[in-house]
C-alpha atoms as a PDB file:
ATOM      1  CA  MET A   1      90.381 -16.671  32.943  1.00  0.00           C
ATOM      2  CA  ARG A   2      87.027 -15.473  31.413  1.00  0.00           C
ATOM      3  CA  PRO A   3      87.548 -12.558  29.012  1.00  0.00           C
ATOM      4  CA  ILE A   4      85.964  -9.234  29.840  1.00  0.00           C
ATOM      5  CA  LEU A   5      83.540  -7.996  27.132  1.00  0.00           C
ATOM      6  CA  ASN A   6      82.802  -4.369  26.527  1.00  0.00           C
ATOM      7  CA  PHE A   7      79.211  -3.057  26.091  1.00  0.00           C
ATOM      8  CA  SER A   8      79.060  -3.370  22.290  1.00  0.00           C
ATOM      9  CA  GLN A   9      80.306  -6.943  22.419  1.00  0.00           C
ATOM     10  CA  ARG A  10      77.766  -7.914  25.109  1.00  0.00           C
ATOM     11  CA  TYR A  11      74.880  -6.311  23.127  1.00  0.00           C
ATOM     12  CA  THR A  12      75.946  -8.068  19.911  1.00  0.00           C
ATOM     13  CA  ARG A  13      76.082 -11.453  21.625  1.00  0.00           C
ATOM     14  CA  HIS A  14      72.654 -10.821  23.275  1.00  0.00           C
ATOM     15  CA  SER A  15      71.097  -9.876  19.930  1.00  0.00           C
ATOM     16  CA  ALA A  16      72.579 -12.938  18.244  1.00  0.00           C
ATOM     17  CA  ASN A  17      71.192 -15.231  20.934  1.00  0.00           C
ATOM     18  CA  HIS A  18      67.613 -13.721  21.204  1.00  0.00           C
ATOM     19  CA  GLY A  19      66.677 -12.164  17.806  1.00  0.00           C
ATOM     20  CA  PHE A  20      64.479 -13.532  14.933  1.00  0.00           C
ATOM     21  CA  THR A  21      65.663 -14.466  11.516  1.00  0.00           C
ATOM     22  CA  ILE A  22      63.727 -13.470   8.411  1.00  0.00           C
ATOM     23  CA  VAL A  23      62.733 -17.107   7.875  1.00  0.00           C
ATOM     24  CA  GLU A  24      61.223 -17.289  11.344  1.00  0.00           C
ATOM     25  CA  LEU A  25      59.252 -14.095  10.758  1.00  0.00           C
ATOM     26  CA  ILE A  26      57.868 -15.449   7.488  1.00  0.00           C
ATOM     27  CA  VAL A  27      56.858 -18.703   9.139  1.00  0.00           C
ATOM     28  CA  VAL A  28      55.118 -16.865  11.984  1.00  0.00           C
ATOM     29  CA  ILE A  29      53.285 -14.541   9.591  1.00  0.00           C
ATOM     30  CA  THR A  30      52.182 -17.520   7.481  1.00  0.00           C
ATOM     31  CA  VAL A  31      50.898 -19.455  10.468  1.00  0.00           C
ATOM     32  CA  VAL A  32      49.056 -16.407  11.838  1.00  0.00           C
ATOM     33  CA  GLY A  33      47.515 -15.810   8.411  1.00  0.00           C
ATOM     34  CA  ILE A  34      46.299 -19.417   8.210  1.00  0.00           C
ATOM     35  CA  LEU A  35      44.798 -19.211  11.692  1.00  0.00           C
ATOM     36  CA  ALA A  36      43.144 -15.872  10.891  1.00  0.00           C
ATOM     37  CA  ALA A  37      41.675 -17.227   7.651  1.00  0.00           C
ATOM     38  CA  GLY A  38      40.279 -20.245   9.478  1.00  0.00           C
ATOM     39  CA  ALA A  39      38.813 -18.098  12.227  1.00  0.00           C
ATOM     40  CA  ALA A  40      37.271 -15.729   9.650  1.00  0.00           C
ATOM     41  CA  THR A  41      35.590 -18.691   7.954  1.00  0.00           C
ATOM     42  CA  PHE A  42      33.981 -19.796  11.205  1.00  0.00           C
ATOM     43  CA  ILE A  43      32.955 -16.233  12.090  1.00  0.00           C
ATOM     44  CA  ARG A  44      31.719 -15.205   8.637  1.00  0.00           C
ATOM     45  CA  ASN A  45      28.979 -17.807   8.240  1.00  0.00           C
ATOM     46  CA  PRO A  46      27.183 -17.085  11.543  1.00  0.00           C
ATOM     47  CA  THR A  47      27.577 -13.355  10.975  1.00  0.00           C
ATOM     48  CA  GLN A  48      26.166 -13.574   7.457  1.00  0.00           C
ATOM     49  CA  ALA A  49      23.327 -15.756   8.717  1.00  0.00           C
ATOM     50  CA  TYR A  50      22.503 -13.125  11.330  1.00  0.00           C
ATOM     51  CA  PHE A  51      22.343 -10.349   8.721  1.00  0.00           C
ATOM     52  CA  ASP A  52      20.277 -12.561   6.375  1.00  0.00           C
ATOM     53  CA  VAL A  53      17.748 -13.252   9.134  1.00  0.00           C
ATOM     54  CA  GLU A  54      17.616  -9.537  10.008  1.00  0.00           C
ATOM     55  CA  ASN A  55      17.104  -8.556   6.347  1.00  0.00           C
ATOM     56  CA  TYR A  56      14.447 -11.244   5.926  1.00  0.00           C
ATOM     57  CA  ALA A  57      12.566 -10.052   9.010  1.00  0.00           C
ATOM     58  CA  ASN A  58      12.806  -6.443   7.801  1.00  0.00           C
ATOM     59  CA  LEU A  59      11.518  -7.333   4.331  1.00  0.00           C
ATOM     60  CA  THR A  60       8.664  -9.404   5.758  1.00  0.00           C
ATOM     61  CA  ASP A  61       7.626  -6.543   8.018  1.00  0.00           C
ATOM     62  CA  ARG A  62       7.750  -4.001   5.175  1.00  0.00           C
ATOM     63  CA  ALA A  63       5.786  -6.212   2.777  1.00  0.00           C
ATOM     64  CA  ASP A  64       3.215  -7.113   5.438  1.00  0.00           C
ATOM     65  CA  THR A  65       2.767  -3.446   6.399  1.00  0.00           C
ATOM     66  CA  ALA A  66       2.208  -2.462   2.755  1.00  0.00           C
ATOM     67  CA  LEU A  67      -0.353  -5.232   2.210  1.00  0.00           C
ATOM     68  CA  ARG A  68      -2.170  -4.450   5.460  1.00  0.00           C
ATOM     69  CA  ARG A  69      -2.458  -0.812   4.466  1.00  0.00           C
ATOM     70  CA  LEU A  70      -3.783  -1.723   1.032  1.00  0.00           C
ATOM     71  CA  SER A  71      -6.241  -4.173   2.583  1.00  0.00           C
ATOM     72  CA  ARG A  72      -7.467  -1.661   5.160  1.00  0.00           C
ATOM     73  CA  GLU A  73      -8.155   1.053   2.599  1.00  0.00           C
ATOM     74  CA  MET A  74      -9.641  -1.326   0.036  1.00  0.00           C
ATOM     75  CA  ARG A  75     -12.239  -2.508   2.529  1.00  0.00           C
ATOM     76  CA  ASN A  76     -13.463   1.091   2.712  1.00  0.00           C
ATOM     77  CA  ALA A  77     -14.051   1.216  -1.042  1.00  0.00           C
ATOM     78  CA  LEU A  78     -17.386   2.175  -2.548  1.00  0.00           C
ATOM     79  CA  PRO A  79     -19.160  -1.071  -3.548  1.00  0.00           C
ATOM     80  CA  ASN A  80     -18.435  -2.054  -7.152  1.00  0.00           C
ATOM     81  CA  SER A  81     -15.855   0.727  -7.559  1.00  0.00           C
ATOM     82  CA  VAL A  82     -12.734  -1.466  -7.600  1.00  0.00           C
ATOM     83  CA  ARG A  83     -11.174  -1.829 -11.030  1.00  0.00           C
ATOM     84  CA  ALA A  84      -7.783  -3.188 -12.055  1.00  0.00           C
ATOM     85  CA  THR A  85      -5.631  -3.147 -15.171  1.00  0.00           C
ATOM     86  CA  THR A  86      -2.159  -4.180 -16.337  1.00  0.00           C
ATOM     87  CA  ASN A  87       0.204  -2.215 -18.535  1.00  0.00           C
ATOM     88  CA  GLY A  88       3.323  -4.196 -19.381  1.00  0.00           C
ATOM     89  CA  ALA A  89       5.086  -5.071 -16.129  1.00  0.00           C
ATOM     90  CA  ASP A  90       3.051  -2.465 -14.208  1.00  0.00           C
ATOM     91  CA  SER A  91      -0.348  -3.224 -12.677  1.00  0.00           C
ATOM     92  CA  PHE A  92      -2.907  -0.879 -11.148  1.00  0.00           C
ATOM     93  CA  VAL A  93      -5.917  -1.200  -8.880  1.00  0.00           C
ATOM     94  CA  GLU A  94      -8.222   1.782  -8.417  1.00  0.00           C
ATOM     95  CA  PHE A  95     -11.157   2.386  -6.088  1.00  0.00           C
ATOM     96  CA  ILE A  96     -13.292   5.206  -4.683  1.00  0.00           C
ATOM     97  CA  PRO A  97     -12.928   5.551  -0.894  1.00  0.00           C
ATOM     98  CA  VAL A  98     -16.101   6.140   1.116  1.00  0.00           C
ATOM     99  CA  THR A  99     -15.875   9.102   3.495  1.00  0.00           C
ATOM    100  CA  ALA A 100     -19.366   8.725   5.010  1.00  0.00           C
ATOM    101  CA  ALA A 101     -22.398   6.509   4.614  1.00  0.00           C
ATOM    102  CA  GLY A 102     -25.909   6.061   5.944  1.00  0.00           C
ATOM    103  CA  ARG A 103     -29.505   5.334   5.066  1.00  0.00           C
ATOM    104  CA  TYR A 104     -31.916   7.749   3.450  1.00  0.00           C
ATOM    105  CA  ARG A 105     -35.595   8.098   4.253  1.00  0.00           C
ATOM    106  CA  ALA A 106     -37.429   6.244   1.522  1.00  0.00           C
ATOM    107  CA  GLU A 107     -40.997   7.171   2.465  1.00  0.00           C
ATOM    108  CA  ILE A 108     -43.000   9.329   4.843  1.00  0.00           C
ATOM    109  CA  GLY A 109     -43.438   7.856   8.299  1.00  0.00           C
ATOM    110  CA  ASN A 110     -45.654   8.934  11.194  1.00  0.00           C
ATOM    111  CA  ASN A 111     -44.339  12.489  11.260  1.00  0.00           C
ATOM    112  CA  ALA A 112     -45.682  15.044   8.792  1.00  0.00           C
ATOM    113  CA  SER A 113     -42.244  16.684   8.602  1.00  0.00           C
ATOM    114  CA  ASP A 114     -40.600  13.505   7.296  1.00  0.00           C
ATOM    115  CA  ASN A 115     -38.656  14.233   4.128  1.00  0.00           C
ATOM    116  CA  PRO A 116     -38.092  11.171   1.896  1.00  0.00           C
ATOM    117  CA  LEU A 117     -35.818  11.045  -1.146  1.00  0.00           C
ATOM    118  CA  ASP A 118     -37.691  11.635  -4.403  1.00  0.00           C
ATOM    119  CA  PHE A 119     -36.115   9.619  -7.216  1.00  0.00           C
ATOM    120  CA  ALA A 120     -38.028  11.583  -9.832  1.00  0.00           C
ATOM    121  CA  ALA A 121     -36.509  14.935  -8.788  1.00  0.00           C
ATOM    122  CA  SER A 122     -33.335  16.293 -10.400  1.00  0.00           C
ATOM    123  CA  ALA A 123     -32.596  18.252  -7.197  1.00  0.00           C
ATOM    124  CA  ASP A 124     -33.898  17.233  -3.808  1.00  0.00           C
ATOM    125  CA  SER A 125     -33.230  16.924  -0.095  1.00  0.00           C
ATOM    126  CA  PHE A 126     -33.902  14.006   2.229  1.00  0.00           C
ATOM    127  CA  ASP A 127     -33.614  12.919   5.847  1.00  0.00           C
ATOM    128  CA  VAL A 128     -30.658  10.881   7.041  1.00  0.00           C
ATOM    129  CA  LEU A 129     -31.850   8.018   9.189  1.00  0.00           C
ATOM    130  CA  GLY A 130     -29.749   7.526  12.293  1.00  0.00           C
ATOM    131  CA  ALA A 131     -26.637   9.520  13.168  1.00  0.00           C
ATOM    132  CA  PRO A 132     -25.734  12.647  11.154  1.00  0.00           C
ATOM    133  CA  VAL A 133     -23.041  12.317   8.501  1.00  0.00           C
ATOM    134  CA  ASN A 134     -20.068  14.597   8.019  1.00  0.00           C
ATOM    135  CA  VAL A 135     -19.810  16.105   4.531  1.00  0.00           C
ATOM    136  CA  GLY A 136     -16.754  17.998   3.310  1.00  0.00           C
ATOM    137  CA  ALA A 137     -16.306  20.503   0.520  1.00  0.00           C
ATOM    138  CA  GLY A 138     -16.573  19.080  -2.987  1.00  0.00           C
ATOM    139  CA  GLN A 139     -17.899  15.707  -1.865  1.00  0.00           C
ATOM    140  CA  GLN A 140     -20.638  13.901  -3.732  1.00  0.00           C
ATOM    141  CA  LEU A 141     -23.550  11.583  -3.120  1.00  0.00           C
ATOM    142  CA  VAL A 142     -23.709   8.066  -4.607  1.00  0.00           C
ATOM    143  CA  ILE A 143     -26.704   5.740  -4.489  1.00  0.00           C
ATOM    144  CA  TYR A 144     -26.845   2.119  -5.657  1.00  0.00           C
ATOM    145  CA  ASN A 145     -23.539   1.841  -7.469  1.00  0.00           C
ATOM    146  CA  LEU A 146     -23.542  -1.301  -9.618  1.00  0.00           C
ATOM    147  CA  GLY A 147     -20.420  -0.508 -11.602  1.00  0.00           C
ATOM    148  CA  VAL A 148     -22.260  -0.909 -14.909  1.00  0.00           C
ATOM    149  CA  SER A 149     -23.388   1.572 -17.510  1.00  0.00           C
ATOM    150  CA  GLY A 150     -26.231   3.659 -16.155  1.00  0.00           C
ATOM    151  CA  ALA A 151     -25.287   2.990 -12.538  1.00  0.00           C
ATOM    152  CA  ASP A 152     -21.575   3.729 -12.409  1.00  0.00           C
ATOM    153  CA  ALA A 153     -19.983   6.282 -10.084  1.00  0.00           C
ATOM    154  CA  TYR A 154     -17.000   6.654 -12.420  1.00  0.00           C
ATOM    155  CA  GLU A 155     -19.136   7.754 -15.341  1.00  0.00           C
ATOM    156  CA  GLY A 156     -21.254   9.887 -12.987  1.00  0.00           C
ATOM    157  CA  THR A 157     -24.668   8.407 -13.738  1.00  0.00           C
ATOM    158  CA  ASN A 158     -25.421   7.823 -10.047  1.00  0.00           C
ATOM    159  CA  ARG A 159     -23.129  10.459  -8.507  1.00  0.00           C
ATOM    160  CA  ARG A 160     -24.513  13.896  -7.584  1.00  0.00           C
ATOM    161  CA  ALA A 161     -23.055  17.064  -6.082  1.00  0.00           C
ATOM    162  CA  LEU A 162     -23.967  17.766  -2.457  1.00  0.00           C
ATOM    163  CA  ALA A 163     -25.177  21.299  -1.771  1.00  0.00           C
ATOM    164  CA  THR A 164     -24.120  21.712   1.868  1.00  0.00           C
ATOM    165  CA  THR A 165     -21.251  20.737   4.125  1.00  0.00           C
ATOM    166  CA  GLY A 166     -20.917  19.967   7.822  1.00  0.00           C
ATOM    167  CA  ASN A 167     -22.383  17.426  10.218  1.00  0.00           C
ATOM    168  CA  LEU A 168     -25.780  16.941   8.612  1.00  0.00           C
ATOM    169  CA  SER A 169     -29.033  15.151   9.348  1.00  0.00           C
ATOM    170  CA  SER A 170     -30.465  16.170   5.990  1.00  0.00           C
ATOM    171  CA  LEU A 171     -28.686  16.065   2.628  1.00  0.00           C
ATOM    172  CA  SER A 172     -29.393  18.154  -0.455  1.00  0.00           C
ATOM    173  CA  PHE A 173     -28.177  17.353  -3.957  1.00  0.00           C
ATOM    174  CA  SER A 174     -28.488  18.618  -7.510  1.00  0.00           C
ATOM    175  CA  GLY A 175     -27.480  17.521 -10.989  1.00  0.00           C
ATOM    176  CA  GLY A 176     -30.233  15.116 -11.982  1.00  0.00           C
ATOM    177  CA  ALA A 177     -32.432  12.347 -10.605  1.00  0.00           C
ATOM    178  CA  PHE A 178     -30.852   9.146  -9.420  1.00  0.00           C
ATOM    179  CA  PRO A 179     -31.466   6.277 -11.852  1.00  0.00           C
ATOM    180  CA  GLN A 180     -32.718   3.755  -9.287  1.00  0.00           C
ATOM    181  CA  PRO A 181     -33.145   3.368  -5.537  1.00  0.00           C
ATOM    182  CA  SER A 182     -31.101   1.168  -3.252  1.00  0.00           C
ATOM    183  CA  PRO A 183     -32.976  -1.914  -1.967  1.00  0.00           C
ATOM    184  CA  SER A 184     -31.460  -1.188   1.457  1.00  0.00           C
ATOM    185  CA  SER A 185     -31.944   2.597   1.213  1.00  0.00           C
ATOM    186  CA  ARG A 186     -28.195   3.128   1.447  1.00  0.00           C
ATOM    187  CA  PHE A 187     -26.253   6.165   0.337  1.00  0.00           C
ATOM    188  CA  TYR A 188     -22.532   6.895   0.254  1.00  0.00           C
ATOM    189  CA  VAL A 189     -20.526  10.116   0.351  1.00  0.00           C
ATOM    190  CA  VAL A 190     -17.351  10.158  -1.744  1.00  0.00           C
ATOM    191  CA  GLY A 191     -14.837  12.749  -2.839  1.00  0.00           C
ATOM    192  CA  THR A 192     -11.828  11.463  -4.766  1.00  0.00           C
ATOM    193  CA  ALA A 193     -10.260   8.272  -6.124  1.00  0.00           C
ATOM    194  CA  THR A 194      -7.242   6.224  -5.067  1.00  0.00           C
ATOM    195  CA  THR A 195      -4.878   3.994  -7.041  1.00  0.00           C
ATOM    196  CA  TYR A 196      -2.220   1.534  -5.915  1.00  0.00           C
ATOM    197  CA  ALA A 197       0.370   1.047  -8.641  1.00  0.00           C
ATOM    198  CA  CYS A 198       3.171  -1.464  -9.164  1.00  0.00           C
ATOM    199  CA  ASP A 199       5.898   0.752 -10.646  1.00  0.00           C
ATOM    200  CA  MET A 200       8.354  -1.905 -11.793  1.00  0.00           C
ATOM    201  CA  THR A 201      10.564   0.569 -13.657  1.00  0.00           C
ATOM    202  CA  ASN A 202      11.497   2.116 -10.314  1.00  0.00           C
ATOM    203  CA  ARG A 203      10.886  -1.118  -8.357  1.00  0.00           C
ATOM    204  CA  ARG A 204       8.344   0.284  -5.926  1.00  0.00           C
ATOM    205  CA  LEU A 205       4.703   0.128  -4.828  1.00  0.00           C
ATOM    206  CA  VAL A 206       3.098   3.578  -4.982  1.00  0.00           C
ATOM    207  CA  MET A 207      -0.213   4.994  -3.752  1.00  0.00           C
ATOM    208  CA  TYR A 208      -1.894   7.852  -5.624  1.00  0.00           C
ATOM    209  CA  SER A 209      -4.809   9.451  -3.794  1.00  0.00           C
ATOM    210  CA  GLY A 210      -6.865  12.641  -3.664  1.00  0.00           C
ATOM    211  CA  TYR A 211      -7.326  13.037  -7.413  1.00  0.00           C
ATOM    212  CA  ALA A 212     -10.635  13.701  -9.159  1.00  0.00           C
ATOM    213  CA  ILE A 213     -12.706  10.689 -10.162  1.00  0.00           C
ATOM    214  CA  GLN A 214     -11.934   9.752 -13.781  1.00  0.00           C
ATOM    215  CA  SER A 215     -14.340   8.056 -16.170  1.00  0.00           C
ATOM    216  CA  THR A 216     -11.457   6.025 -17.637  1.00  0.00           C
ATOM    217  CA  GLN A 217      -8.999   4.327 -15.314  1.00  0.00           C
ATOM    218  CA  PRO A 218      -5.484   5.859 -15.358  1.00  0.00           C
ATOM    219  CA  ALA A 219      -3.427   2.998 -16.771  1.00  0.00           C
ATOM    220  CA  SER A 220       0.160   4.256 -16.582  1.00  0.00           C
ATOM    221  CA  ILE A 221       2.541   5.834 -14.105  1.00  0.00           C
ATOM    222  CA  SER A 222       2.797   8.945 -16.274  1.00  0.00           C
ATOM    223  CA  ALA A 223      -1.009   9.326 -16.361  1.00  0.00           C
ATOM    224  CA  LEU A 224      -1.174   9.088 -12.570  1.00  0.00           C
ATOM    225  CA  ASN A 225       1.733  11.503 -12.107  1.00  0.00           C
ATOM    226  CA  ALA A 226      -0.209  14.007 -14.190  1.00  0.00           C
ATOM    227  CA  LEU A 227      -3.109  13.785 -11.716  1.00  0.00           C
ATOM    228  CA  THR A 228      -1.293  13.860  -8.377  1.00  0.00           C
ATOM    229  CA  THR A 229       1.954  13.026  -6.576  1.00  0.00           C
ATOM    230  CA  GLY A 230       2.392   9.412  -5.574  1.00  0.00           C
ATOM    231  CA  ARG A 231       3.548   8.208  -2.152  1.00  0.00           C
ATOM    232  CA  GLN A 232       5.945   5.284  -1.986  1.00  0.00           C
ATOM    233  CA  ILE A 233       4.570   2.395   0.058  1.00  0.00           C
ATOM    234  CA  ALA A 234       7.348  -0.158  -0.551  1.00  0.00           C
ATOM    235  CA  SER A 235      10.757  -0.098  -2.255  1.00  0.00           C
ATOM    236  CA  ASN A 236      13.148  -2.776  -3.591  1.00  0.00           C
ATOM    237  CA  VAL A 237      10.184  -4.467  -5.275  1.00  0.00           C
ATOM    238  CA  THR A 238      11.214  -7.420  -7.444  1.00  0.00           C
ATOM    239  CA  SER A 239       7.722  -8.697  -8.261  1.00  0.00           C
ATOM    240  CA  CYS A 240       4.322  -7.042  -7.989  1.00  0.00           C
ATOM    241  CA  GLN A 241       0.980  -7.926  -9.486  1.00  0.00           C
ATOM    242  CA  MET A 242      -2.592  -6.961  -8.604  1.00  0.00           C
ATOM    243  CA  GLN A 243      -5.749  -8.565  -9.958  1.00  0.00           C
ATOM    244  CA  TYR A 244      -9.441  -8.082  -9.277  1.00  0.00           C
ATOM    245  CA  VAL A 245     -12.098 -10.783  -9.459  1.00  0.00           C
ATOM    246  CA  PRO A 246     -15.514  -9.056  -9.283  1.00  0.00           C
ATOM    247  CA  GLY A 247     -18.245 -10.717  -7.283  1.00  0.00           C
ATOM    248  CA  ALA A 248     -22.003 -10.814  -7.623  1.00  0.00           C
ATOM    249  CA  LEU A 249     -24.171  -8.431  -5.638  1.00  0.00           C
ATOM    250  CA  GLN A 250     -24.628 -10.963  -2.835  1.00  0.00           C
ATOM    251  CA  ARG A 251     -20.952 -11.779  -2.317  1.00  0.00           C
ATOM    252  CA  SER A 252     -17.604 -10.084  -2.131  1.00  0.00           C
ATOM    253  CA  GLY A 253     -15.174  -9.417  -4.911  1.00  0.00           C
ATOM    254  CA  ILE A 254     -11.545 -10.407  -4.361  1.00  0.00           C
ATOM    255  CA  VAL A 255      -8.393  -8.392  -4.963  1.00  0.00           C
ATOM    256  CA  LEU A 256      -5.312 -10.597  -5.334  1.00  0.00           C
ATOM    257  CA  VAL A 257      -1.985  -8.935  -4.560  1.00  0.00           C
ATOM    258  CA  TYR A 258       1.404 -10.574  -5.108  1.00  0.00           C
ATOM    259  CA  LEU A 259       4.340  -8.630  -3.681  1.00  0.00           C
ATOM    260  CA  GLY A 260       8.029  -9.592  -3.652  1.00  0.00           C
ATOM    261  CA  LEU A 261      10.806  -7.569  -2.009  1.00  0.00           C
ATOM    262  CA  THR A 262      14.566  -8.115  -1.913  1.00  0.00           C
ATOM    263  CA  GLN A 263      17.461  -6.745   0.126  1.00  0.00           C
ATOM    264  CA  ASP A 264      21.008  -8.031  -0.369  1.00  0.00           C
ATOM    265  CA  ALA A 265      20.665 -11.849  -0.418  1.00  0.00           C
ATOM    266  CA  ALA A 266      17.308 -11.903   1.387  1.00  0.00           C
ATOM    267  CA  ARG A 267      14.065 -12.186  -0.579  1.00  0.00           C
ATOM    268  CA  VAL A 268      10.445 -12.446   0.509  1.00  0.00           C
ATOM    269  CA  ASN A 269       7.262 -13.061  -1.502  1.00  0.00           C
ATOM    270  CA  LEU A 270       3.809 -12.520  -0.019  1.00  0.00           C
ATOM    271  CA  MET A 271       0.317 -13.001  -1.395  1.00  0.00           C
ATOM    272  CA  GLN A 272      -2.779 -11.279  -0.014  1.00  0.00           C
ATOM    273  CA  GLN A 273      -6.454 -11.850  -0.778  1.00  0.00           C
ATOM    274  CA  ILE A 274      -8.635  -8.847   0.013  1.00  0.00           C
ATOM    275  CA  ASN A 275     -12.394  -9.290   0.198  1.00  0.00           C
ATOM    276  CA  VAL A 276     -14.316  -6.319  -1.151  1.00  0.00           C
ATOM    277  CA  VAL A 277     -17.982  -5.933  -0.242  1.00  0.00           C
ATOM    278  CA  ASN A 278     -19.995  -5.351  -3.407  1.00  0.00           C
ATOM    279  CA  SER A 279     -23.495  -5.105  -1.989  1.00  0.00           C
ATOM    280  CA  PRO A 280     -24.554  -1.514  -2.737  1.00  0.00           C
END
């Protein structure tokens, strides 16, 4: 006859038949850990590759945007105003942006009211040929900038103060006669200077703009900070160098820019050649 078990006896027998021993638990945990480690290995590499590609694309876009901006503004530079220097690991390229340009009347035409530019006068007015030009407060007139002594906008030998502002068909200046005329009768209106600086101490590319034109190029970050506040163009810069190869009057100068950025394991290095028109 089968013995009758009470509740505690039945529960004990059930637990003994269906429970896990500590050895079994350890084995299961070990096996699960091995499987998890293997799965993580297969998942990690594609995941890391995805983030590397994303970082690389981000760095390329940032570097390309910075170089395009530099190129766009440099092409608007006053002819023969680009100058570059290096100070330790930092390099600098400076130029004078043109705000307006046109052609001046060089001689009297068929109209008795024609007003040509007199290169013997220390203060004069002249007709603007073509569309009027917009002149802002504090802007100056530059004619035939060669970037050499006696015809250098930085030293002021061919840069004169404009007397009036607005949308003008006639310009007036003072401060001395211009040293020599432009073969193409060109004039330029300028106001301030701009510098792009490789600040390798802080690993960034910085633009300084809107400061007064200096006879001597600011050749340090501290000198530029004393003139104006810089705007960061690119960060995480690992390499940055800017050089200028001046051209003759009939060809363009070239600004060479080398820019390297890094983010995590991704790194990108770009080089840009910027043609600068030097015909004044």
